[in-house]
Every structure is written in C-alpha cells, then in structure tokens.
Amino acid sequence: MTTDRVGEPVPPVRWADPEEPELEARVAHAEAEWVDAEVGVETLRVELDNFALVHHQRLGPMYVRLDELDALIAEARAARTGSPEDLRRAYEARSVLEPMPDLAAFFDEGDAAGEGAVPPVSIEAPERIRPDREAQRLFRELARRAHPDLAQDPEEVQRRGEFIARVNEAYARGDVLALEQLAQEWADGDPAAFQPAAGTPERVAWLRRRLEWLESRLHRLEAARAELADSPMGQLLMLHPDDPDALLEVLAEQLLASVAERQSELETLLS
C-alpha cells in the first residue's frame, strides 16, 4: 500500500471492470496523440497563412505584370492578324486583369538599358511568425482542456468555441503572454469537466465513449492536415519546407526571366 504526502496510507484503486486499466492506458495514449495532432495542424495552418501573405506581397506585382504582358501580346497579335480566334484570345486575356500595381520597384521605365528593361530584384527575407515551444505547450494544454468537442451542452460548445478561437488567434501570433493569460482565465472560470471516478461502474462506459471520440477526432485532423498540405500553397511550401525564403528567391528569378521573355516578344510584335 502506498502513502500520500503526509504519510497516510492510500488504499489501492479497486477496478470495477478488468477492462478499465487497459482503457485508461489507451485513452491516455490517444489524448496525447490528439493534442499533438491539434498543435501540428494549427502550426501548419499558421505557416501556410504566413507564406501565402509573403508570397502575395513579394511576388504579386510580377504575376500581375505577366498577365498584363500576356494581354498586350494577345492584343498586338490580334491587331496584326485580325483573326477572330486571336481577337477572342485577346479579349479573354484582358478580361482577367486586375488594375496594374505600381511596378517602379520592378520595371524602371527610364533605365539606360531601354524602355521596359527589367532590373534585378532581390526578395527581402520576410518576418515570419513561428510559435515557439512554450507557445506550443500552452496551446496543447488549452486544446486538451477547453476544446468545444469535449462539451455536450450547445451553450457550452459555443462558449468553448469562442474561447478556442481566441486561443488560435494568439497562437497564430506566437503570443506566449496572451496564451498564458488565456490559460489563467480558463483555470479561474472553468471547473474540471465531470469524469466518473476510477473504479466506478460508469467509468468504463465513459472511457469507451472518450476513446471513440478521440479516434474520430484524430481521423478528422489527419484529413485536415492532408487537405492543407495538398492545397496549392501547401504544395508550394513543401518544395522548401525548411527555408521558404529561399523558395521565394527561386520563384522571383523564374518570374523575372518570364517577364523579360514576354517583354521581348511584345517588342518584336510592335516593331
């Protein structure tokens, strides 16, 4: 027989059902997998959101310039040939364009090399937000304690959902202080969720329901992670998962080469 902190004997747990110890172990293992999966999916979502924003900010003007050049080339070709097919292509190319951005950083109209010359462009390393280990620990603990899927009552589900949304926002910013404050807020305002005591007849039924929920949640998280990884931005990021800034450099060089090629084609058509 073991003793507690003050030396008093603690009676051993008497299992009401021989299956209970195994279920306890399986639930504990599944809970650890679930929380790790929650952290992994949310971290990937943060990375993709950051990369998409930087990708748009750094390379967006060059993509738009390519669309503009495609439209100008199609229009010049249509003006030369008068072909109905070329006129249709010119109309389609022009219809997809957005308003032209300020391209002074990419195309110096007054450069000595000539109108439309493409100067070198360097892509600055973006400021990236990567939640550190402490942020991940806090997020993991809050997900384990406050996730809305742990509740049954609709009002409690809504309350937890709103709280976890705040947790997700803080995690996306890598804001450890905000996560600490949220953890304290939850601890102060939420009693522990009811669980049948070990050794009671209700415990085994509860453990079975808990294990079923955890396995279902894990399957959904696996699907969510696969969907994020298979998205266009996810596939792009996976080319250089450890150095997305280097990927931006490579893409910038490829885009500038394409712009120069189309610029040359347009000048040939207009000459």
Protein backbone atom coordinates (compact mmCIF):
# COMPACT_ATOMS: atom_id res chain seq x y z
CA MET A 1 0.00 0.00 0.00
CA THR A 2 1.33 3.45 -0.93
CA THR A 3 1.25 6.58 1.23
CA ASP A 4 0.21 10.15 0.47
CA ARG A 5 2.31 13.28 1.03
CA VAL A 6 1.67 13.33 4.78
CA GLY A 7 2.37 9.65 5.25
CA GLU A 8 -1.21 8.44 5.47
CA PRO A 9 -1.89 5.13 3.71
CA VAL A 10 -3.70 5.41 0.38
CA PRO A 11 -5.91 2.47 -0.48
CA PRO A 12 -5.29 0.94 -3.92
CA VAL A 13 -7.80 1.56 -6.69
CA ARG A 14 -10.31 -1.24 -6.94
CA TRP A 15 -11.22 -1.70 -10.57
CA ALA A 16 -14.93 -2.36 -11.11
CA ASP A 17 -14.16 -3.86 -14.51
CA PRO A 18 -10.94 -5.69 -15.50
CA GLU A 19 -11.02 -3.82 -18.83
CA GLU A 20 -10.68 -0.45 -17.11
CA PRO A 21 -6.86 -0.30 -16.72
CA GLU A 22 -6.33 -1.09 -20.42
CA LEU A 23 -8.92 1.51 -21.44
CA GLU A 24 -7.27 4.10 -19.19
CA ALA A 25 -3.93 3.49 -20.92
CA ARG A 26 -5.46 3.61 -24.42
CA VAL A 27 -7.33 6.85 -23.65
CA ALA A 28 -4.19 8.47 -22.22
CA HIS A 29 -2.21 7.49 -25.34
CA ALA A 30 -4.96 8.70 -27.69
CA GLU A 31 -5.24 12.00 -25.82
CA ALA A 32 -1.52 12.64 -26.25
CA GLU A 33 -1.76 11.87 -29.99
CA TRP A 34 -4.83 14.10 -30.35
CA VAL A 35 -3.26 17.12 -28.69
CA ASP A 36 -0.05 16.73 -30.72
CA ALA A 37 -2.13 16.49 -33.89
CA GLU A 38 -4.08 19.63 -32.96
CA VAL A 39 -0.81 21.51 -32.47
CA GLY A 40 0.63 20.16 -35.72
CA VAL A 41 -2.40 21.13 -37.83
CA GLU A 42 -2.67 24.59 -36.32
CA THR A 43 1.09 25.18 -36.74
CA LEU A 44 0.90 24.16 -40.40
CA ARG A 45 -2.08 26.47 -40.87
CA VAL A 46 -0.07 29.36 -39.38
CA GLU A 47 2.90 28.59 -41.63
CA LEU A 48 0.71 28.47 -44.75
CA ASP A 49 -1.07 31.71 -43.87
CA ASN A 50 2.25 33.47 -43.33
CA PHE A 51 3.75 32.08 -46.53
CA ALA A 52 0.68 32.99 -48.59
CA LEU A 53 0.80 36.56 -47.29
CA VAL A 54 4.50 36.97 -48.01
CA HIS A 55 4.14 35.28 -51.40
CA HIS A 56 1.41 37.74 -52.38
CA GLN A 57 3.29 40.78 -51.07
CA ARG A 58 6.63 39.94 -52.68
CA LEU A 59 5.66 38.27 -55.93
CA GLY A 60 2.14 39.51 -56.62
CA PRO A 61 3.21 42.53 -58.71
CA MET A 62 5.26 40.30 -61.01
CA TYR A 63 2.36 37.89 -61.54
CA VAL A 64 0.17 40.86 -62.45
CA ARG A 65 2.84 42.17 -64.83
CA LEU A 66 2.94 38.80 -66.56
CA ASP A 67 -0.85 38.91 -67.03
CA GLU A 68 -0.58 42.43 -68.43
CA LEU A 69 2.13 41.42 -70.88
CA ASP A 70 0.10 38.39 -71.96
CA ALA A 71 -2.83 40.69 -72.69
CA LEU A 72 -0.67 43.18 -74.60
CA ILE A 73 0.90 40.37 -76.64
CA ALA A 74 -2.50 38.89 -77.45
CA GLU A 75 -3.84 42.32 -78.46
CA ALA A 76 -0.81 43.06 -80.63
CA ARG A 77 -1.12 39.69 -82.35
CA ALA A 78 -4.86 40.19 -82.89
CA ALA A 79 -4.25 43.66 -84.37
CA ARG A 80 -1.72 42.19 -86.77
CA THR A 81 -3.71 39.16 -87.92
CA GLY A 82 -7.33 40.25 -87.50
CA SER A 83 -8.15 36.60 -86.80
CA PRO A 84 -11.40 36.04 -84.87
CA GLU A 85 -9.60 33.46 -82.74
CA ASP A 86 -6.81 35.90 -81.92
CA LEU A 87 -9.40 38.58 -81.10
CA ARG A 88 -11.14 36.16 -78.75
CA ARG A 89 -7.87 35.31 -77.01
CA ALA A 90 -7.04 38.99 -76.64
CA TYR A 91 -10.43 39.68 -75.07
CA GLU A 92 -10.05 36.77 -72.64
CA ALA A 93 -6.52 37.82 -71.67
CA ARG A 94 -7.63 41.39 -70.98
CA SER A 95 -10.75 40.34 -69.04
CA VAL A 96 -8.77 38.53 -66.33
CA LEU A 97 -6.59 41.53 -65.49
CA GLU A 98 -6.75 43.48 -62.26
CA PRO A 99 -5.69 47.15 -62.03
CA MET A 100 -1.99 47.48 -62.60
CA PRO A 101 0.12 47.92 -59.42
CA ASP A 102 3.00 50.32 -59.00
CA LEU A 103 5.80 48.47 -60.73
CA ALA A 104 8.54 51.04 -60.20
CA ALA A 105 10.39 48.58 -57.97
CA PHE A 106 10.44 46.00 -60.74
CA PHE A 107 10.50 47.96 -64.01
CA ASP A 108 12.50 51.19 -64.33
CA GLU A 109 10.94 52.93 -67.31
CA GLY A 110 13.85 55.36 -67.59
CA ASP A 111 16.66 52.87 -67.26
CA ALA A 112 19.59 53.32 -69.62
CA ALA A 113 19.08 49.80 -70.94
CA GLY A 114 15.87 50.96 -72.61
CA GLU A 115 12.16 51.23 -72.01
CA GLY A 116 10.75 48.21 -70.26
CA ALA A 117 14.12 46.95 -69.08
CA VAL A 118 13.92 44.63 -66.11
CA PRO A 119 16.40 45.44 -63.33
CA PRO A 120 17.48 42.80 -60.81
CA VAL A 121 15.12 42.37 -57.88
CA SER A 122 16.11 41.00 -54.51
CA ILE A 123 13.45 39.42 -52.31
CA GLU A 124 13.88 40.52 -48.72
CA ALA A 125 13.64 37.82 -46.10
CA PRO A 126 10.15 38.23 -44.64
CA GLU A 127 9.46 38.40 -40.97
CA ARG A 128 7.94 35.02 -40.17
CA ILE A 129 5.96 34.03 -37.12
CA ARG A 130 6.80 30.60 -35.76
CA PRO A 131 5.21 29.68 -32.44
CA ASP A 132 7.98 28.56 -30.10
CA ARG A 133 7.95 25.55 -27.78
CA GLU A 134 6.34 27.45 -24.92
CA ALA A 135 3.54 28.64 -27.21
CA GLN A 136 3.05 25.08 -28.41
CA ARG A 137 2.95 23.79 -24.81
CA LEU A 138 0.32 26.34 -23.81
CA PHE A 139 -1.72 25.71 -26.95
CA ARG A 140 -1.56 21.96 -26.34
CA GLU A 141 -2.79 22.35 -22.77
CA LEU A 142 -5.61 24.71 -23.69
CA ALA A 143 -6.76 22.45 -26.51
CA ARG A 144 -6.79 19.49 -24.13
CA ARG A 145 -8.85 21.32 -21.52
CA ALA A 146 -11.11 23.71 -23.43
CA HIS A 147 -11.84 22.16 -26.82
CA PRO A 148 -15.54 22.58 -27.74
CA ASP A 149 -15.81 18.95 -28.83
CA LEU A 150 -15.40 17.97 -25.18
CA ALA A 151 -18.76 19.53 -24.31
CA GLN A 152 -22.29 18.26 -24.87
CA ASP A 153 -24.46 21.25 -23.99
CA PRO A 154 -24.92 23.59 -27.02
CA GLU A 155 -24.28 26.71 -24.95
CA GLU A 156 -21.10 25.22 -23.54
CA VAL A 157 -19.97 24.19 -27.03
CA GLN A 158 -20.45 27.77 -28.21
CA ARG A 159 -18.64 29.21 -25.19
CA ARG A 160 -15.70 26.89 -25.69
CA GLY A 161 -15.65 27.57 -29.43
CA GLU A 162 -15.38 31.31 -28.85
CA PHE A 163 -12.63 30.76 -26.28
CA ILE A 164 -10.62 28.43 -28.54
CA ALA A 165 -10.94 30.97 -31.37
CA ARG A 166 -9.12 33.45 -29.14
CA VAL A 167 -6.52 30.78 -28.35
CA ASN A 168 -5.98 30.13 -32.08
CA GLU A 169 -5.52 33.84 -32.75
CA ALA A 170 -2.92 34.17 -30.01
CA TYR A 171 -1.12 31.06 -31.24
CA ALA A 172 -1.06 32.37 -34.81
CA ARG A 173 0.75 35.46 -33.49
CA GLY A 174 3.11 33.34 -31.38
CA ASP A 175 1.95 35.43 -28.41
CA VAL A 176 3.05 33.48 -25.34
CA LEU A 177 1.86 36.17 -22.91
CA ALA A 178 -1.66 36.11 -24.37
CA LEU A 179 -1.71 32.30 -24.18
CA GLU A 180 -0.62 32.42 -20.55
CA GLN A 181 -3.42 34.88 -19.78
CA LEU A 182 -5.94 32.67 -21.56
CA ALA A 183 -4.74 29.65 -19.61
CA GLN A 184 -5.22 31.54 -16.35
CA GLU A 185 -8.64 32.76 -17.49
CA TRP A 186 -9.76 29.20 -18.19
CA ALA A 187 -8.37 27.92 -14.90
CA ASP A 188 -10.15 30.66 -12.95
CA GLY A 189 -13.51 30.38 -14.66
CA ASP A 190 -14.00 26.73 -15.54
CA PRO A 191 -14.43 23.81 -13.16
CA ALA A 192 -13.00 20.47 -14.19
CA ALA A 193 -15.24 18.59 -16.59
CA PHE A 194 -17.12 15.77 -14.93
CA GLN A 195 -15.49 12.38 -15.21
CA PRO A 196 -16.70 9.30 -13.40
CA ALA A 197 -14.28 8.29 -10.66
CA ALA A 198 -11.89 5.40 -11.23
CA GLY A 199 -13.31 2.10 -10.11
CA THR A 200 -16.94 3.08 -10.59
CA PRO A 201 -19.27 1.24 -12.99
CA GLU A 202 -19.78 4.44 -15.02
CA ARG A 203 -16.04 4.84 -15.65
CA VAL A 204 -15.69 2.10 -18.27
CA ALA A 205 -18.60 3.40 -20.34
CA TRP A 206 -17.15 6.90 -20.15
CA LEU A 207 -13.70 5.65 -21.21
CA ARG A 208 -15.18 3.85 -24.21
CA ARG A 209 -17.03 6.98 -25.35
CA ARG A 210 -13.92 9.06 -24.80
CA LEU A 211 -11.76 6.68 -26.84
CA GLU A 212 -14.29 6.64 -29.67
CA TRP A 213 -14.35 10.44 -29.74
CA LEU A 214 -10.54 10.68 -29.70
CA GLU A 215 -10.16 8.23 -32.59
CA SER A 216 -12.78 10.11 -34.61
CA ARG A 217 -11.07 13.42 -33.90
CA LEU A 218 -7.69 12.03 -34.95
CA HIS A 219 -9.11 10.91 -38.29
CA ARG A 220 -10.54 14.39 -38.89
CA LEU A 221 -7.23 16.02 -38.01
CA GLU A 222 -5.36 13.72 -40.39
CA ALA A 223 -7.77 14.72 -43.16
CA ALA A 224 -7.38 18.41 -42.29
CA ARG A 225 -3.58 18.17 -42.39
CA ALA A 226 -3.68 16.35 -45.74
CA GLU A 227 -6.00 19.00 -47.16
CA LEU A 228 -3.66 21.80 -46.05
CA ALA A 229 -0.60 20.01 -47.45
CA ASP A 230 -2.36 19.31 -50.78
CA SER A 231 -3.54 22.90 -51.27
CA PRO A 232 -1.71 24.92 -53.96
CA MET A 233 0.15 26.96 -51.35
CA GLY A 234 0.85 23.84 -49.30
CA GLN A 235 2.39 22.04 -52.26
CA LEU A 236 4.49 25.11 -53.00
CA LEU A 237 5.71 25.38 -49.42
CA MET A 238 6.61 21.69 -49.33
CA LEU A 239 9.23 22.33 -52.03
CA HIS A 240 11.35 24.09 -49.40
CA PRO A 241 9.70 23.36 -46.03
CA ASP A 242 12.80 24.33 -44.03
CA ASP A 243 13.63 27.50 -45.96
CA PRO A 244 10.58 29.15 -47.56
CA ASP A 245 12.55 32.37 -48.06
CA ALA A 246 14.90 30.57 -50.43
CA LEU A 247 11.85 29.38 -52.37
CA LEU A 248 10.73 33.00 -52.81
CA GLU A 249 14.15 33.84 -54.26
CA VAL A 250 13.89 30.99 -56.77
CA LEU A 251 10.36 31.98 -57.78
CA ALA A 252 11.37 35.62 -58.16
CA GLU A 253 14.20 34.68 -60.55
CA GLN A 254 11.85 32.50 -62.60
CA LEU A 255 9.22 35.23 -62.79
CA LEU A 256 11.72 37.88 -63.83
CA ALA A 257 13.00 35.60 -66.60
CA SER A 258 9.42 35.07 -67.81
CA VAL A 259 8.73 38.81 -67.73
CA ALA A 260 11.86 39.56 -69.75
CA GLU A 261 10.91 36.90 -72.32
CA ARG A 262 7.39 38.27 -72.75
CA GLN A 263 8.67 41.85 -72.90
CA SER A 264 10.96 40.85 -75.75
CA GLU A 265 8.09 39.08 -77.54
CA LEU A 266 5.89 42.16 -77.22
CA GLU A 267 8.59 44.47 -78.58
CA THR A 268 9.03 42.15 -81.57
CA LEU A 269 5.29 42.25 -82.32
CA LEU A 270 5.19 46.04 -82.07
CA SER A 271 8.27 46.65 -84.19
